[in-house]
């Protein structure tokens, strides 16, 4: 009877431990996603100020060797009855705000 009680207590302990760890991992993911959304919203605000309201579009996010996130952005330029020409920029966050560089083909 004592062995059965010990077995049940160990099983309950493992289940509660797994629920605790799962909760911690969920909070960690939410925190990382919130930080990423904050940076992305700041970059979108910077692009609206620099290129015009919703003119530039985010094409791809790039992780550099230092672990920073950079965004590849395109700015379409429309001409009458022609296909659009695209200007490509790389937008990234720095300590002083955001900056962009034109990407040469």
N, C-alpha and C. Protein backbone atom coordinates (compact mmCIF):
# COMPACT_ATOMS: atom_id res chain seq x y z
N UNK A 1 0.81 -1.19 0.00
CA UNK A 1 0.00 0.00 0.00
C UNK A 1 0.87 1.27 0.00
N UNK A 2 1.95 1.22 0.79
CA UNK A 2 2.85 2.37 0.86
C UNK A 2 3.54 2.61 -0.47
N UNK A 3 3.92 1.53 -1.19
CA UNK A 3 4.57 1.65 -2.49
C UNK A 3 3.62 2.27 -3.51
N UNK A 4 2.35 1.92 -3.44
CA UNK A 4 1.34 2.49 -4.35
C UNK A 4 1.18 3.99 -4.09
N UNK A 5 1.18 4.39 -2.83
CA UNK A 5 1.06 5.80 -2.47
C UNK A 5 2.26 6.59 -2.99
N UNK A 6 3.45 6.05 -2.84
CA UNK A 6 4.66 6.70 -3.34
C UNK A 6 4.61 6.83 -4.86
N UNK A 7 4.19 5.78 -5.55
CA UNK A 7 4.07 5.81 -7.01
C UNK A 7 3.10 6.89 -7.46
N UNK A 8 1.95 7.01 -6.81
CA UNK A 8 0.95 8.02 -7.17
C UNK A 8 1.48 9.42 -6.90
N UNK A 9 2.18 9.62 -5.79
CA UNK A 9 2.74 10.95 -5.49
C UNK A 9 3.81 11.34 -6.50
N UNK A 10 4.64 10.39 -6.92
CA UNK A 10 5.66 10.69 -7.93
C UNK A 10 5.00 11.04 -9.26
N UNK A 11 3.95 10.31 -9.65
CA UNK A 11 3.24 10.60 -10.90
C UNK A 11 2.61 11.99 -10.87
N UNK A 12 1.98 12.33 -9.75
CA UNK A 12 1.35 13.65 -9.62
C UNK A 12 2.41 14.75 -9.66
N UNK A 13 3.53 14.53 -9.02
CA UNK A 13 4.62 15.50 -9.02
C UNK A 13 5.15 15.73 -10.43
N UNK A 14 5.34 14.67 -11.19
CA UNK A 14 5.83 14.81 -12.56
C UNK A 14 4.83 15.54 -13.46
N UNK A 15 3.56 15.27 -13.28
CA UNK A 15 2.52 15.95 -14.07
C UNK A 15 2.51 17.44 -13.75
N UNK A 16 2.56 17.78 -12.45
CA UNK A 16 2.57 19.20 -12.08
C UNK A 16 3.85 19.90 -12.55
N UNK A 17 4.96 19.21 -12.49
CA UNK A 17 6.21 19.79 -12.98
C UNK A 17 6.16 20.04 -14.48
N UNK A 18 5.58 19.12 -15.24
CA UNK A 18 5.47 19.32 -16.69
C UNK A 18 4.52 20.47 -17.01
N UNK A 19 3.44 20.62 -16.26
CA UNK A 19 2.53 21.76 -16.47
C UNK A 19 3.23 23.09 -16.16
N UNK A 20 4.03 23.11 -15.12
CA UNK A 20 4.77 24.32 -14.76
C UNK A 20 5.77 24.69 -15.84
N UNK A 21 6.51 23.74 -16.33
CA UNK A 21 7.50 24.00 -17.37
C UNK A 21 6.82 24.44 -18.66
N UNK A 22 5.69 23.82 -19.00
CA UNK A 22 4.94 24.22 -20.19
C UNK A 22 4.44 25.66 -20.07
N UNK A 23 3.99 26.05 -18.88
CA UNK A 23 3.55 27.42 -18.65
C UNK A 23 4.69 28.41 -18.79
N UNK A 24 5.86 28.06 -18.26
CA UNK A 24 7.02 28.94 -18.39
C UNK A 24 7.44 29.11 -19.84
N UNK A 25 7.42 28.03 -20.60
CA UNK A 25 7.78 28.12 -22.02
C UNK A 25 6.77 28.98 -22.78
N UNK A 26 5.50 28.86 -22.45
CA UNK A 26 4.48 29.70 -23.09
C UNK A 26 4.69 31.17 -22.79
N UNK A 27 5.01 31.50 -21.55
CA UNK A 27 5.28 32.90 -21.20
C UNK A 27 6.53 33.42 -21.91
N UNK A 28 7.54 32.59 -22.02
CA UNK A 28 8.76 32.99 -22.73
C UNK A 28 8.47 33.29 -24.19
N UNK A 29 7.67 32.43 -24.83
CA UNK A 29 7.32 32.67 -26.24
C UNK A 29 6.53 33.95 -26.41
N UNK A 30 5.58 34.20 -25.51
CA UNK A 30 4.79 35.42 -25.59
C UNK A 30 5.66 36.66 -25.42
N UNK A 31 6.61 36.59 -24.49
CA UNK A 31 7.50 37.71 -24.25
C UNK A 31 8.38 38.00 -25.46
N UNK A 32 8.92 36.97 -26.09
CA UNK A 32 9.74 37.14 -27.28
C UNK A 32 8.91 37.70 -28.44
N UNK A 33 7.69 37.20 -28.60
CA UNK A 33 6.81 37.68 -29.67
C UNK A 33 6.44 39.14 -29.45
N UNK A 34 6.21 39.53 -28.21
CA UNK A 34 5.87 40.92 -27.90
C UNK A 34 7.04 41.84 -28.23
N UNK A 35 8.25 41.42 -27.88
CA UNK A 35 9.44 42.23 -28.19
C UNK A 35 9.62 42.35 -29.70
N UNK A 36 9.40 41.26 -30.43
CA UNK A 36 9.55 41.30 -31.89
C UNK A 36 8.49 42.20 -32.51
N UNK A 37 7.26 42.15 -32.01
CA UNK A 37 6.20 43.01 -32.54
C UNK A 37 6.48 44.48 -32.26
N UNK A 38 7.07 44.79 -31.10
CA UNK A 38 7.40 46.17 -30.77
C UNK A 38 8.43 46.72 -31.75
N UNK A 39 9.47 45.94 -32.03
CA UNK A 39 10.49 46.37 -32.99
C UNK A 39 9.89 46.51 -34.37
N UNK A 40 9.05 45.56 -34.76
CA UNK A 40 8.44 45.61 -36.09
C UNK A 40 7.52 46.82 -36.23
N UNK A 41 6.74 47.14 -35.20
CA UNK A 41 5.87 48.31 -35.25
C UNK A 41 6.69 49.60 -35.34
N UNK A 42 7.82 49.64 -34.64
CA UNK A 42 8.70 50.81 -34.72
C UNK A 42 9.28 50.98 -36.10
N UNK A 43 9.67 49.87 -36.73
CA UNK A 43 10.23 49.94 -38.08
C UNK A 43 9.15 50.35 -39.07
N UNK A 44 7.94 49.86 -38.90
CA UNK A 44 6.85 50.25 -39.81
C UNK A 44 6.55 51.74 -39.65
N UNK A 45 6.58 52.26 -38.42
CA UNK A 45 6.41 53.70 -38.22
C UNK A 45 7.53 54.51 -38.86
N UNK A 46 8.76 54.00 -38.76
CA UNK A 46 9.90 54.67 -39.40
C UNK A 46 9.74 54.68 -40.91
N UNK A 47 9.29 53.57 -41.48
CA UNK A 47 9.10 53.51 -42.93
C UNK A 47 7.99 54.45 -43.37
N UNK A 48 6.93 54.58 -42.57
CA UNK A 48 5.86 55.52 -42.92
C UNK A 48 6.36 56.95 -42.93
N UNK A 49 7.23 57.30 -41.98
CA UNK A 49 7.78 58.66 -41.95
C UNK A 49 8.76 58.90 -43.10
N UNK A 50 9.55 57.90 -43.44
CA UNK A 50 10.60 58.07 -44.43
C UNK A 50 10.07 57.97 -45.86
N UNK A 51 9.31 56.94 -46.15
CA UNK A 51 8.90 56.65 -47.53
C UNK A 51 7.47 57.08 -47.84
N UNK A 52 6.70 57.47 -46.86
CA UNK A 52 5.30 57.81 -47.08
C UNK A 52 4.42 56.75 -46.44
N UNK A 53 3.19 57.14 -46.12
CA UNK A 53 2.29 56.26 -45.39
C UNK A 53 1.96 55.02 -46.21
N UNK A 54 2.35 53.86 -45.71
CA UNK A 54 2.11 52.54 -46.29
C UNK A 54 2.57 52.41 -47.75
N UNK A 55 3.62 53.13 -48.10
CA UNK A 55 4.17 53.01 -49.45
C UNK A 55 5.14 51.83 -49.53
N UNK A 56 5.99 51.68 -48.53
CA UNK A 56 6.98 50.61 -48.52
C UNK A 56 6.38 49.36 -47.89
N UNK A 57 6.77 48.19 -48.38
CA UNK A 57 6.29 46.92 -47.88
C UNK A 57 7.46 46.08 -47.39
N UNK A 58 7.25 45.37 -46.30
CA UNK A 58 8.27 44.47 -45.78
C UNK A 58 8.23 43.19 -46.61
N UNK A 59 9.38 42.84 -47.18
CA UNK A 59 9.47 41.64 -48.01
C UNK A 59 9.96 40.45 -47.20
N UNK A 60 11.00 40.65 -46.42
CA UNK A 60 11.60 39.52 -45.72
C UNK A 60 12.37 40.02 -44.50
N UNK A 61 12.38 39.23 -43.44
CA UNK A 61 13.22 39.55 -42.28
C UNK A 61 14.49 38.71 -42.35
N UNK A 62 15.60 39.33 -42.00
CA UNK A 62 16.91 38.70 -42.11
C UNK A 62 17.60 38.79 -40.75
N UNK A 63 18.20 37.70 -40.31
CA UNK A 63 19.00 37.70 -39.09
C UNK A 63 20.47 37.75 -39.47
N UNK A 64 21.18 38.75 -38.97
CA UNK A 64 22.60 38.85 -39.31
C UNK A 64 23.43 38.03 -38.32
N UNK A 65 24.75 38.07 -38.47
CA UNK A 65 25.65 37.24 -37.67
C UNK A 65 25.64 37.63 -36.19
N UNK A 66 25.30 38.87 -35.88
CA UNK A 66 25.28 39.33 -34.51
C UNK A 66 23.95 39.07 -33.82
N UNK A 67 22.99 38.52 -34.52
CA UNK A 67 21.68 38.21 -33.94
C UNK A 67 20.66 39.32 -34.08
N UNK A 68 20.99 40.39 -34.78
CA UNK A 68 20.05 41.49 -35.00
C UNK A 68 19.11 41.14 -36.14
N UNK A 69 17.93 41.72 -36.09
CA UNK A 69 16.93 41.49 -37.13
C UNK A 69 16.94 42.69 -38.08
N UNK A 70 17.06 42.40 -39.36
CA UNK A 70 16.99 43.42 -40.40
C UNK A 70 15.83 43.05 -41.33
N UNK A 71 15.23 44.07 -41.91
CA UNK A 71 14.09 43.84 -42.79
C UNK A 71 14.43 44.31 -44.19
N UNK A 72 14.15 43.47 -45.17
CA UNK A 72 14.31 43.83 -46.57
C UNK A 72 12.97 44.40 -47.02
N UNK A 73 13.02 45.64 -47.51
CA UNK A 73 11.81 46.41 -47.81
C UNK A 73 11.85 46.83 -49.26
N UNK A 74 10.70 46.80 -49.93
CA UNK A 74 10.64 47.29 -51.31
C UNK A 74 9.67 48.45 -51.40
N UNK A 75 10.01 49.36 -52.30
CA UNK A 75 9.20 50.56 -52.55
C UNK A 75 8.84 50.57 -54.02
N UNK A 76 7.59 50.27 -54.37
CA UNK A 76 7.22 50.25 -55.79
C UNK A 76 7.05 51.66 -56.34
N UNK A 77 7.47 51.84 -57.57
CA UNK A 77 7.27 53.10 -58.29
C UNK A 77 6.50 52.78 -59.56
N UNK A 78 5.30 53.31 -59.63
CA UNK A 78 4.42 53.01 -60.75
C UNK A 78 4.56 54.06 -61.85
N UNK A 79 4.56 53.60 -63.07
CA UNK A 79 4.54 54.48 -64.24
C UNK A 79 3.27 54.15 -65.03
N UNK A 80 2.84 55.09 -65.82
CA UNK A 80 1.59 54.92 -66.56
C UNK A 80 1.71 53.77 -67.56
N UNK A 81 0.86 52.77 -67.45
CA UNK A 81 0.78 51.60 -68.32
C UNK A 81 2.07 50.78 -68.37
N UNK A 82 2.83 50.80 -67.32
CA UNK A 82 4.05 50.00 -67.27
C UNK A 82 4.06 49.20 -65.98
N UNK A 83 4.83 48.14 -65.98
CA UNK A 83 4.97 47.38 -64.73
C UNK A 83 5.79 48.19 -63.73
N UNK A 84 5.55 48.03 -62.46
CA UNK A 84 6.25 48.86 -61.47
C UNK A 84 7.73 48.51 -61.36
N UNK A 85 8.51 49.53 -61.10
CA UNK A 85 9.92 49.36 -60.77
C UNK A 85 10.04 49.38 -59.25
N UNK A 86 10.93 48.58 -58.72
CA UNK A 86 11.05 48.47 -57.28
C UNK A 86 12.41 48.98 -56.82
N UNK A 87 12.40 49.75 -55.75
CA UNK A 87 13.62 50.14 -55.07
C UNK A 87 13.67 49.33 -53.77
N UNK A 88 14.83 48.73 -53.50
CA UNK A 88 14.97 47.85 -52.36
C UNK A 88 15.82 48.54 -51.28
N UNK A 89 15.37 48.41 -50.04
CA UNK A 89 16.06 49.00 -48.90
C UNK A 89 16.20 47.96 -47.80
N UNK A 90 17.23 48.14 -47.00
CA UNK A 90 17.43 47.31 -45.82
C UNK A 90 17.22 48.22 -44.61
N UNK A 91 16.22 47.91 -43.78
CA UNK A 91 15.88 48.73 -42.62
C UNK A 91 16.27 47.95 -41.37
N UNK A 92 16.94 48.63 -40.42
CA UNK A 92 17.38 47.95 -39.21
C UNK A 92 17.35 48.91 -38.03
N UNK A 93 17.28 48.34 -36.83
CA UNK A 93 17.25 49.14 -35.60
C UNK A 93 18.67 49.34 -35.09
N UNK A 94 18.95 50.53 -34.60
CA UNK A 94 20.23 50.84 -33.97
C UNK A 94 19.93 51.39 -32.58
N UNK A 95 20.98 51.76 -31.85
CA UNK A 95 20.79 52.33 -30.51
C UNK A 95 20.14 53.71 -30.58
N UNK A 96 20.35 54.42 -31.68
CA UNK A 96 19.83 55.78 -31.83
C UNK A 96 18.50 55.83 -32.56
N UNK A 97 17.94 54.71 -32.93
CA UNK A 97 16.68 54.68 -33.68
C UNK A 97 16.78 53.67 -34.81
N UNK A 98 16.25 54.05 -35.94
CA UNK A 98 16.25 53.16 -37.10
C UNK A 98 17.00 53.82 -38.25
N UNK A 99 17.57 52.98 -39.10
CA UNK A 99 18.28 53.47 -40.27
C UNK A 99 17.94 52.58 -41.45
N UNK A 100 18.23 53.10 -42.64
CA UNK A 100 18.00 52.29 -43.84
C UNK A 100 19.16 52.50 -44.82
N UNK A 101 19.41 51.48 -45.60
CA UNK A 101 20.42 51.53 -46.65
C UNK A 101 19.77 51.02 -47.94
N UNK A 102 20.11 51.67 -49.04
CA UNK A 102 19.60 51.22 -50.33
C UNK A 102 20.39 49.99 -50.76
N UNK A 103 19.70 49.00 -51.25
CA UNK A 103 20.33 47.74 -51.68
C UNK A 103 20.59 47.85 -53.18
N UNK A 104 21.83 47.64 -53.55
CA UNK A 104 22.21 47.66 -54.97
C UNK A 104 22.08 46.27 -55.53
N UNK A 105 21.61 46.20 -56.74
CA UNK A 105 21.45 44.88 -57.39
C UNK A 105 22.72 44.39 -57.96
